[in-house]
Amino acid sequence: MNYSFHPEAETEFLEAIKYYEEKESGLGYDFAVEVYSAIERTIAFPEAWPVIEDDIRRSLVRRFPYGILYSAEKELVYIVAVMHLHREPKYWKHRI
């Protein structure tokens, strides 16, 4: 199974990496590693995470307050958002 990002999800992921790297050298890298680990878990077990709306599920990122919002299709995990869990919860809805 493969994965792909919605363009806005990829942008917010890259912006979060930049934000954490500006906070502390190496923290952006750590964040990216944790997000990719969450994506790998999602690909391995796409049905394991709870449905939050329609066919959108959310897996959690370790160490950081982020979730990966995605839909699991036949051969693809489509990442709709790399979402900070303490900010606007419905901002991503226009992406589906």
PDB file of N, CA and C in Angstrom:
ATOM      1  N   MET A   1       0.852  -1.180   0.000  1.00  0.00           N
ATOM      2  CA  MET A   1       0.000   0.000   0.000  1.00  0.00           C
ATOM      3  C   MET A   1       0.895   1.240   0.000  1.00  0.00           C
ATOM      4  N   ASN A   2       0.467   2.247  -0.712  1.00  0.00           N
ATOM      5  CA  ASN A   2       1.179   3.522  -0.802  1.00  0.00           C
ATOM      6  C   ASN A   2       0.396   4.607  -0.072  1.00  0.00           C
ATOM      7  N   TYR A   3       0.963   5.798  -0.038  1.00  0.00           N
ATOM      8  CA  TYR A   3       0.261   6.940   0.532  1.00  0.00           C
ATOM      9  C   TYR A   3       0.546   8.171  -0.316  1.00  0.00           C
ATOM     10  N   SER A   4      -0.349   9.127  -0.201  1.00  0.00           N
ATOM     11  CA  SER A   4      -0.117  10.426  -0.824  1.00  0.00           C
ATOM     12  C   SER A   4      -0.780  11.493   0.033  1.00  0.00           C
ATOM     13  N   PHE A   5      -0.276  12.709  -0.098  1.00  0.00           N
ATOM     14  CA  PHE A   5      -0.780  13.844   0.656  1.00  0.00           C
ATOM     15  C   PHE A   5      -1.706  14.690  -0.205  1.00  0.00           C
ATOM     16  N   HIS A   6      -2.771  15.170   0.388  1.00  0.00           N
ATOM     17  CA  HIS A   6      -3.503  16.281  -0.197  1.00  0.00           C
ATOM     18  C   HIS A   6      -2.498  17.435  -0.220  1.00  0.00           C
ATOM     19  N   PRO A   7      -2.467  18.269  -1.256  1.00  0.00           N
ATOM     20  CA  PRO A   7      -1.472  19.349  -1.323  1.00  0.00           C
ATOM     21  C   PRO A   7      -1.439  20.242  -0.081  1.00  0.00           C
ATOM     22  N   GLU A   8      -2.601  20.564   0.472  1.00  0.00           N
ATOM     23  CA  GLU A   8      -2.639  21.402   1.674  1.00  0.00           C
ATOM     24  C   GLU A   8      -2.113  20.651   2.896  1.00  0.00           C
ATOM     25  N   ALA A   9      -2.319  19.340   2.949  1.00  0.00           N
ATOM     26  CA  ALA A   9      -1.797  18.539   4.058  1.00  0.00           C
ATOM     27  C   ALA A   9      -0.272  18.498   4.004  1.00  0.00           C
ATOM     28  N   GLU A  10       0.264  18.367   2.810  1.00  0.00           N
ATOM     29  CA  GLU A  10       1.721  18.361   2.670  1.00  0.00           C
ATOM     30  C   GLU A  10       2.300  19.711   3.081  1.00  0.00           C
ATOM     31  N   THR A  11       1.648  20.785   2.703  1.00  0.00           N
ATOM     32  CA  THR A  11       2.105  22.126   3.072  1.00  0.00           C
ATOM     33  C   THR A  11       2.088  22.303   4.586  1.00  0.00           C
ATOM     34  N   GLU A  12       1.000  21.878   5.241  1.00  0.00           N
ATOM     35  CA  GLU A  12       0.950  22.055   6.691  1.00  0.00           C
ATOM     36  C   GLU A  12       1.973  21.166   7.398  1.00  0.00           C
ATOM     37  N   PHE A  13       2.253  20.013   6.850  1.00  0.00           N
ATOM     38  CA  PHE A  13       3.301  19.143   7.393  1.00  0.00           C
ATOM     39  C   PHE A  13       4.662  19.835   7.314  1.00  0.00           C
ATOM     40  N   LEU A  14       4.988  20.363   6.155  1.00  0.00           N
ATOM     41  CA  LEU A  14       6.269  21.051   5.976  1.00  0.00           C
ATOM     42  C   LEU A  14       6.374  22.302   6.845  1.00  0.00           C
ATOM     43  N   GLU A  15       5.272  23.017   6.997  1.00  0.00           N
ATOM     44  CA  GLU A  15       5.274  24.200   7.861  1.00  0.00           C
ATOM     45  C   GLU A  15       5.478  23.818   9.326  1.00  0.00           C
ATOM     46  N   ALA A  16       4.900  22.706   9.750  1.00  0.00           N
ATOM     47  CA  ALA A  16       5.089  22.248  11.132  1.00  0.00           C
ATOM     48  C   ALA A  16       6.540  21.827  11.365  1.00  0.00           C
ATOM     49  N   ILE A  17       7.139  21.171  10.383  1.00  0.00           N
ATOM     50  CA  ILE A  17       8.563  20.811  10.499  1.00  0.00           C
ATOM     51  C   ILE A  17       9.391  22.085  10.698  1.00  0.00           C
ATOM     52  N   LYS A  18       9.120  23.081   9.873  1.00  0.00           N
ATOM     53  CA  LYS A  18       9.853  24.342   9.960  1.00  0.00           C
ATOM     54  C   LYS A  18       9.647  25.004  11.321  1.00  0.00           C
ATOM     55  N   TYR A  19       8.409  25.015  11.796  1.00  0.00           N
ATOM     56  CA  TYR A  19       8.096  25.605  13.097  1.00  0.00           C
ATOM     57  C   TYR A  19       8.904  24.931  14.208  1.00  0.00           C
ATOM     58  N   TYR A  20       8.875  23.610  14.247  1.00  0.00           N
ATOM     59  CA  TYR A  20       9.602  22.896  15.306  1.00  0.00           C
ATOM     60  C   TYR A  20      11.111  23.071  15.178  1.00  0.00           C
ATOM     61  N   GLU A  21      11.594  23.142  13.973  1.00  0.00           N
ATOM     62  CA  GLU A  21      13.039  23.337  13.780  1.00  0.00           C
ATOM     63  C   GLU A  21      13.461  24.732  14.258  1.00  0.00           C
ATOM     64  N   GLU A  22      12.590  25.713  14.078  1.00  0.00           N
ATOM     65  CA  GLU A  22      12.893  27.058  14.570  1.00  0.00           C
ATOM     66  C   GLU A  22      12.861  27.117  16.093  1.00  0.00           C
ATOM     67  N   LYS A  23      12.038  26.285  16.713  1.00  0.00           N
ATOM     68  CA  LYS A  23      11.956  26.236  18.175  1.00  0.00           C
ATOM     69  C   LYS A  23      13.227  25.646  18.777  1.00  0.00           C
ATOM     70  N   GLU A  24      13.713  24.586  18.141  1.00  0.00           N
ATOM     71  CA  GLU A  24      14.914  23.908  18.636  1.00  0.00           C
ATOM     72  C   GLU A  24      15.536  23.099  17.503  1.00  0.00           C
ATOM     73  N   SER A  25      16.822  23.253  17.335  1.00  0.00           N
ATOM     74  CA  SER A  25      17.528  22.525  16.278  1.00  0.00           C
ATOM     75  C   SER A  25      17.350  21.014  16.460  1.00  0.00           C
ATOM     76  N   GLY A  26      16.923  20.362  15.407  1.00  0.00           N
ATOM     77  CA  GLY A  26      16.711  18.919  15.431  1.00  0.00           C
ATOM     78  C   GLY A  26      15.290  18.510  15.773  1.00  0.00           C
ATOM     79  N   LEU A  27      14.506  19.425  16.349  1.00  0.00           N
ATOM     80  CA  LEU A  27      13.134  19.082  16.729  1.00  0.00           C
ATOM     81  C   LEU A  27      12.239  18.910  15.499  1.00  0.00           C
ATOM     82  N   GLY A  28      12.501  19.672  14.457  1.00  0.00           N
ATOM     83  CA  GLY A  28      11.747  19.503  13.216  1.00  0.00           C
ATOM     84  C   GLY A  28      11.986  18.128  12.618  1.00  0.00           C
ATOM     85  N   TYR A  29      13.231  17.687  12.669  1.00  0.00           N
ATOM     86  CA  TYR A  29      13.560  16.335  12.190  1.00  0.00           C
ATOM     87  C   TYR A  29      12.826  15.287  13.028  1.00  0.00           C
ATOM     88  N   ASP A  30      12.857  15.455  14.349  1.00  0.00           N
ATOM     89  CA  ASP A  30      12.161  14.509  15.233  1.00  0.00           C
ATOM     90  C   ASP A  30      10.675  14.458  14.918  1.00  0.00           C
ATOM     91  N   PHE A  31      10.084  15.624  14.670  1.00  0.00           N
ATOM     92  CA  PHE A  31       8.671  15.682  14.315  1.00  0.00           C
ATOM     93  C   PHE A  31       8.409  14.918  13.022  1.00  0.00           C
ATOM     94  N   ALA A  32       9.232  15.144  12.006  1.00  0.00           N
ATOM     95  CA  ALA A  32       9.067  14.458  10.726  1.00  0.00           C
ATOM     96  C   ALA A  32       9.172  12.944  10.904  1.00  0.00           C
ATOM     97  N   VAL A  33      10.116  12.490  11.696  1.00  0.00           N
ATOM     98  CA  VAL A  33      10.276  11.055  11.947  1.00  0.00           C
ATOM     99  C   VAL A  33       9.015  10.482  12.596  1.00  0.00           C
ATOM    100  N   GLU A  34       8.468  11.195  13.570  1.00  0.00           N
ATOM    101  CA  GLU A  34       7.258  10.714  14.246  1.00  0.00           C
ATOM    102  C   GLU A  34       6.056  10.698  13.299  1.00  0.00           C
ATOM    103  N   VAL A  35       5.944  11.698  12.438  1.00  0.00           N
ATOM    104  CA  VAL A  35       4.837  11.708  11.472  1.00  0.00           C
ATOM    105  C   VAL A  35       4.981  10.540  10.501  1.00  0.00           C
ATOM    106  N   TYR A  36       6.189  10.325   9.978  1.00  0.00           N
ATOM    107  CA  TYR A  36       6.387   9.204   9.057  1.00  0.00           C
ATOM    108  C   TYR A  36       6.158   7.863   9.749  1.00  0.00           C
ATOM    109  N   SER A  37       6.491   7.763  11.021  1.00  0.00           N
ATOM    110  CA  SER A  37       6.201   6.537  11.772  1.00  0.00           C
ATOM    111  C   SER A  37       4.692   6.315  11.883  1.00  0.00           C
ATOM    112  N   ALA A  38       3.953   7.396  12.138  1.00  0.00           N
ATOM    113  CA  ALA A  38       2.494   7.294  12.205  1.00  0.00           C
ATOM    114  C   ALA A  38       1.926   6.886  10.845  1.00  0.00           C
ATOM    115  N   ILE A  39       2.491   7.413   9.774  1.00  0.00           N
ATOM    116  CA  ILE A  39       2.042   7.040   8.429  1.00  0.00           C
ATOM    117  C   ILE A  39       2.329   5.564   8.173  1.00  0.00           C
ATOM    118  N   GLU A  40       3.492   5.085   8.578  1.00  0.00           N
ATOM    119  CA  GLU A  40       3.825   3.666   8.404  1.00  0.00           C
ATOM    120  C   GLU A  40       2.855   2.771   9.173  1.00  0.00           C
ATOM    121  N   ARG A  41       2.518   3.154  10.415  1.00  0.00           N
ATOM    122  CA  ARG A  41       1.538   2.377  11.194  1.00  0.00           C
ATOM    123  C   ARG A  41       0.178   2.401  10.511  1.00  0.00           C
ATOM    124  N   THR A  42      -0.171   3.551   9.955  1.00  0.00           N
ATOM    125  CA  THR A  42      -1.448   3.691   9.258  1.00  0.00           C
ATOM    126  C   THR A  42      -1.501   2.794   8.025  1.00  0.00           C
ATOM    127  N   ILE A  43      -0.418   2.756   7.278  1.00  0.00           N
ATOM    128  CA  ILE A  43      -0.363   1.905   6.091  1.00  0.00           C
ATOM    129  C   ILE A  43      -0.442   0.428   6.483  1.00  0.00           C
ATOM    130  N   ALA A  44       0.244   0.060   7.555  1.00  0.00           N
ATOM    131  CA  ALA A  44       0.248  -1.331   7.997  1.00  0.00           C
ATOM    132  C   ALA A  44      -1.126  -1.765   8.509  1.00  0.00           C
ATOM    133  N   PHE A  45      -1.835  -0.862   9.175  1.00  0.00           N
ATOM    134  CA  PHE A  45      -3.133  -1.186   9.778  1.00  0.00           C
ATOM    135  C   PHE A  45      -4.149  -0.080   9.490  1.00  0.00           C
ATOM    136  N   PRO A  46      -4.530   0.081   8.243  1.00  0.00           N
ATOM    137  CA  PRO A  46      -5.381   1.231   7.883  1.00  0.00           C
ATOM    138  C   PRO A  46      -6.755   1.252   8.552  1.00  0.00           C
ATOM    139  N   GLU A  47      -7.264   0.110   8.937  1.00  0.00           N
ATOM    140  CA  GLU A  47      -8.591   0.050   9.553  1.00  0.00           C
ATOM    141  C   GLU A  47      -8.532   0.122  11.077  1.00  0.00           C
ATOM    142  N   ALA A  48      -7.348   0.215  11.650  1.00  0.00           N
ATOM    143  CA  ALA A  48      -7.188   0.173  13.102  1.00  0.00           C
ATOM    144  C   ALA A  48      -7.570   1.466  13.799  1.00  0.00           C
ATOM    145  N   TRP A  49      -7.575   2.545  13.092  1.00  0.00           N
ATOM    146  CA  TRP A  49      -7.795   3.852  13.706  1.00  0.00           C
ATOM    147  C   TRP A  49      -9.254   4.250  13.622  1.00  0.00           C
ATOM    148  N   PRO A  50      -9.724   5.046  14.568  1.00  0.00           N
ATOM    149  CA  PRO A  50     -11.155   5.379  14.601  1.00  0.00           C
ATOM    150  C   PRO A  50     -11.580   6.297  13.455  1.00  0.00           C
ATOM    151  N   VAL A  51     -12.798   6.075  13.019  1.00  0.00           N
ATOM    152  CA  VAL A  51     -13.424   6.948  12.023  1.00  0.00           C
ATOM    153  C   VAL A  51     -13.884   8.197  12.763  1.00  0.00           C
ATOM    154  N   ILE A  52     -13.531   9.357  12.215  1.00  0.00           N
ATOM    155  CA  ILE A  52     -13.979  10.597  12.851  1.00  0.00           C
ATOM    156  C   ILE A  52     -15.112  11.265  12.074  1.00  0.00           C
ATOM    157  N   GLU A  53     -15.196  10.959  10.784  1.00  0.00           N
ATOM    158  CA  GLU A  53     -16.291  11.470   9.971  1.00  0.00           C
ATOM    159  C   GLU A  53     -16.275  10.793   8.608  1.00  0.00           C
ATOM    160  N   ASP A  54     -17.458  10.370   8.154  1.00  0.00           N
ATOM    161  CA  ASP A  54     -17.589   9.665   6.878  1.00  0.00           C
ATOM    162  C   ASP A  54     -16.547   8.550   6.804  1.00  0.00           C
ATOM    163  N   ASP A  55     -15.620   8.621   5.852  1.00  0.00           N
ATOM    164  CA  ASP A  55     -14.585   7.577   5.742  1.00  0.00           C
ATOM    165  C   ASP A  55     -13.217   8.103   6.186  1.00  0.00           C
ATOM    166  N   ILE A  56     -13.199   9.205   6.913  1.00  0.00           N
ATOM    167  CA  ILE A  56     -11.943   9.796   7.383  1.00  0.00           C
ATOM    168  C   ILE A  56     -11.600   9.241   8.762  1.00  0.00           C
ATOM    169  N   ARG A  57     -10.376   8.734   8.868  1.00  0.00           N
ATOM    170  CA  ARG A  57      -9.877   8.192  10.128  1.00  0.00           C
ATOM    171  C   ARG A  57      -8.748   9.074  10.646  1.00  0.00           C
ATOM    172  N   ARG A  58      -8.410   8.876  11.922  1.00  0.00           N
ATOM    173  CA  ARG A  58      -7.316   9.655  12.501  1.00  0.00           C
ATOM    174  C   ARG A  58      -6.374   8.741  13.267  1.00  0.00           C
ATOM    175  N   SER A  59      -5.106   8.773  12.863  1.00  0.00           N
ATOM    176  CA  SER A  59      -4.067   8.108  13.642  1.00  0.00           C
ATOM    177  C   SER A  59      -3.281   9.198  14.359  1.00  0.00           C
ATOM    178  N   LEU A  60      -2.713   8.841  15.491  1.00  0.00           N
ATOM    179  CA  LEU A  60      -2.025   9.825  16.310  1.00  0.00           C
ATOM    180  C   LEU A  60      -0.519   9.763  16.124  1.00  0.00           C
ATOM    181  N   VAL A  61       0.092  10.919  16.247  1.00  0.00           N
ATOM    182  CA  VAL A  61       1.546  11.051  16.165  1.00  0.00           C
ATOM    183  C   VAL A  61       2.084  11.005  17.593  1.00  0.00           C
ATOM    184  N   ARG A  62       3.087  10.201  17.819  1.00  0.00           N
ATOM    185  CA  ARG A  62       3.699  10.121  19.148  1.00  0.00           C
ATOM    186  C   ARG A  62       4.556  11.361  19.411  1.00  0.00           C
ATOM    187  N   ARG A  63       4.641  11.754  20.669  1.00  0.00           N
ATOM    188  CA  ARG A  63       5.477  12.860  21.157  1.00  0.00           C
ATOM    189  C   ARG A  63       4.975  14.254  20.796  1.00  0.00           C
ATOM    190  N   PHE A  64       4.108  14.378  19.829  1.00  0.00           N
ATOM    191  CA  PHE A  64       3.643  15.683  19.370  1.00  0.00           C
ATOM    192  C   PHE A  64       2.116  15.674  19.317  1.00  0.00           C
ATOM    193  N   PRO A  65       1.481  16.820  19.548  1.00  0.00           N
ATOM    194  CA  PRO A  65       0.011  16.860  19.558  1.00  0.00           C
ATOM    195  C   PRO A  65      -0.580  16.952  18.151  1.00  0.00           C
ATOM    196  N   TYR A  66      -0.311  15.953  17.343  1.00  0.00           N
ATOM    197  CA  TYR A  66      -0.770  15.933  15.953  1.00  0.00           C
ATOM    198  C   TYR A  66      -1.456  14.617  15.639  1.00  0.00           C
ATOM    199  N   GLY A  67      -2.358  14.686  14.679  1.00  0.00           N
ATOM    200  CA  GLY A  67      -3.008  13.508  14.147  1.00  0.00           C
ATOM    201  C   GLY A  67      -2.903  13.508  12.636  1.00  0.00           C
ATOM    202  N   ILE A  68      -2.918  12.323  12.064  1.00  0.00           N
ATOM    203  CA  ILE A  68      -2.929  12.145  10.612  1.00  0.00           C
ATOM    204  C   ILE A  68      -4.363  11.803  10.236  1.00  0.00           C
ATOM    205  N   LEU A  69      -5.013  12.669   9.504  1.00  0.00           N
ATOM    206  CA  LEU A  69      -6.362  12.400   9.024  1.00  0.00           C
ATOM    207  C   LEU A  69      -6.248  11.840   7.619  1.00  0.00           C
ATOM    208  N   TYR A  70      -6.903  10.707   7.389  1.00  0.00           N
ATOM    209  CA  TYR A  70      -6.716  10.013   6.124  1.00  0.00           C
ATOM    210  C   TYR A  70      -7.954   9.203   5.748  1.00  0.00           C
ATOM    211  N   SER A  71      -8.004   8.854   4.483  1.00  0.00           N
ATOM    212  CA  SER A  71      -8.984   7.872   4.016  1.00  0.00           C
ATOM    213  C   SER A  71      -8.179   6.709   3.448  1.00  0.00           C
ATOM    214  N   ALA A  72      -8.645   5.519   3.738  1.00  0.00           N
ATOM    215  CA  ALA A  72      -7.976   4.314   3.259  1.00  0.00           C
ATOM    216  C   ALA A  72      -8.736   3.801   2.047  1.00  0.00           C
ATOM    217  N   GLU A  73      -8.067   3.851   0.917  1.00  0.00           N
ATOM    218  CA  GLU A  73      -8.652   3.328  -0.302  1.00  0.00           C
ATOM    219  C   GLU A  73      -8.015   1.976  -0.584  1.00  0.00           C
ATOM    220  N   LYS A  74      -8.332   1.360  -1.700  1.00  0.00           N
ATOM    221  CA  LYS A  74      -7.876  -0.003  -1.966  1.00  0.00           C
ATOM    222  C   LYS A  74      -6.361  -0.158  -1.865  1.00  0.00           C
ATOM    223  N   GLU A  75      -5.613   0.657  -2.528  1.00  0.00           N
ATOM    224  CA  GLU A  75      -4.149   0.549  -2.528  1.00  0.00           C
ATOM    225  C   GLU A  75      -3.462   1.834  -2.080  1.00  0.00           C
ATOM    226  N   LEU A  76      -4.226   2.739  -1.442  1.00  0.00           N
ATOM    227  CA  LEU A  76      -3.681   4.050  -1.126  1.00  0.00           C
ATOM    228  C   LEU A  76      -4.241   4.578   0.185  1.00  0.00           C
ATOM    229  N   VAL A  77      -3.374   5.143   0.994  1.00  0.00           N
ATOM    230  CA  VAL A  77      -3.786   5.934   2.147  1.00  0.00           C
ATOM    231  C   VAL A  77      -3.642   7.384   1.705  1.00  0.00           C
ATOM    232  N   TYR A  78      -4.759   8.080   1.649  1.00  0.00           N
ATOM    233  CA  TYR A  78      -4.764   9.475   1.204  1.00  0.00           C
ATOM    234  C   TYR A  78      -4.831  10.361   2.435  1.00  0.00           C
ATOM    235  N   ILE A  79      -3.767  11.116   2.671  1.00  0.00           N
ATOM    236  CA  ILE A  79      -3.654  11.953   3.860  1.00  0.00           C
ATOM    237  C   ILE A  79      -4.298  13.303   3.585  1.00  0.00           C
ATOM    238  N   VAL A  80      -5.376  13.559   4.304  1.00  0.00           N
ATOM    239  CA  VAL A  80      -6.162  14.770   4.131  1.00  0.00           C
ATOM    240  C   VAL A  80      -5.593  15.916   4.963  1.00  0.00           C
ATOM    241  N   ALA A  81      -5.023  15.592   6.130  1.00  0.00           N
ATOM    242  CA  ALA A  81      -4.489  16.642   7.003  1.00  0.00           C
ATOM    243  C   ALA A  81      -3.439  16.064   7.939  1.00  0.00           C
ATOM    244  N   VAL A  82      -2.469  16.898   8.264  1.00  0.00           N
ATOM    245  CA  VAL A  82      -1.530  16.647   9.355  1.00  0.00           C
ATOM    246  C   VAL A  82      -1.918  17.709  10.372  1.00  0.00           C
ATOM    247  N   MET A  83      -2.802  17.325  11.284  1.00  0.00           N
ATOM    248  CA  MET A  83      -3.562  18.279  12.083  1.00  0.00           C
ATOM    249  C   MET A  83      -3.043  18.408  13.505  1.00  0.00           C
ATOM    250  N   HIS A  84      -2.844  19.654  13.923  1.00  0.00           N
ATOM    251  CA  HIS A  84      -2.559  19.918  15.332  1.00  0.00           C
ATOM    252  C   HIS A  84      -3.859  19.650  16.092  1.00  0.00           C
ATOM    253  N   LEU A  85      -3.780  18.872  17.150  1.00  0.00           N
ATOM    254  CA  LEU A  85      -4.983  18.414  17.835  1.00  0.00           C
ATOM    255  C   LEU A  85      -5.639  19.458  18.737  1.00  0.00           C
ATOM    256  N   HIS A  86      -4.975  20.594  18.952  1.00  0.00           N
ATOM    257  CA  HIS A  86      -5.526  21.608  19.841  1.00  0.00           C
ATOM    258  C   HIS A  86      -5.922  22.881  19.102  1.00  0.00           C
ATOM    259  N   ARG A  87      -6.118  22.746  17.814  1.00  0.00           N
ATOM    260  CA  ARG A  87      -6.540  23.898  17.003  1.00  0.00           C
ATOM    261  C   ARG A  87      -7.829  23.556  16.289  1.00  0.00           C
ATOM    262  N   GLU A  88      -8.294  24.440  15.469  1.00  0.00           N
ATOM    263  CA  GLU A  88      -9.570  24.287  14.770  1.00  0.00           C
ATOM    264  C   GLU A  88      -9.805  22.859  14.284  1.00  0.00           C
ATOM    265  N   PRO A  89     -10.732  22.150  14.880  1.00  0.00           N
ATOM    266  CA  PRO A  89     -10.899  20.739  14.539  1.00  0.00           C
ATOM    267  C   PRO A  89     -11.528  20.453  13.168  1.00  0.00           C
ATOM    268  N   LYS A  90     -12.218  21.386  12.587  1.00  0.00           N
ATOM    269  CA  LYS A  90     -12.946  21.112  11.335  1.00  0.00           C
ATOM    270  C   LYS A  90     -12.373  21.833  10.114  1.00  0.00           C
ATOM    271  N   TYR A  91     -11.198  22.431  10.242  1.00  0.00           N
ATOM    272  CA  TYR A  91     -10.643  23.246   9.158  1.00  0.00           C
ATOM    273  C   TYR A  91     -10.385  22.463   7.873  1.00  0.00           C
ATOM    274  N   TRP A  92     -10.186  21.183   7.966  1.00  0.00           N
ATOM    275  CA  TRP A  92      -9.798  20.334   6.842  1.00  0.00           C
ATOM    276  C   TRP A  92     -10.984  19.850   6.017  1.00  0.00           C
ATOM    277  N   LYS A  93     -12.196  20.058   6.465  1.00  0.00           N
ATOM    278  CA  LYS A  93     -13.370  19.440   5.839  1.00  0.00           C
ATOM    279  C   LYS A  93     -13.554  19.766   4.368  1.00  0.00           C
ATOM    280  N   HIS A  94     -13.105  20.926   3.926  1.00  0.00           N
ATOM    281  CA  HIS A  94     -13.262  21.280   2.515  1.00  0.00           C
ATOM    282  C   HIS A  94     -12.360  20.418   1.612  1.00  0.00           C
ATOM    283  N   ARG A  95     -11.444  19.664   2.187  1.00  0.00           N
ATOM    284  CA  ARG A  95     -10.505  18.858   1.417  1.00  0.00           C
ATOM    285  C   ARG A  95     -11.071  17.506   0.973  1.00  0.00           C
ATOM    286  N   ILE A  96     -12.213  17.124   1.534  1.00  0.00           N
ATOM    287  CA  ILE A  96     -12.762  15.808   1.170  1.00  0.00           C
ATOM    288  C   ILE A  96     -13.870  15.918   0.147  1.00  0.00           C
TER     289      ILE A  96
END
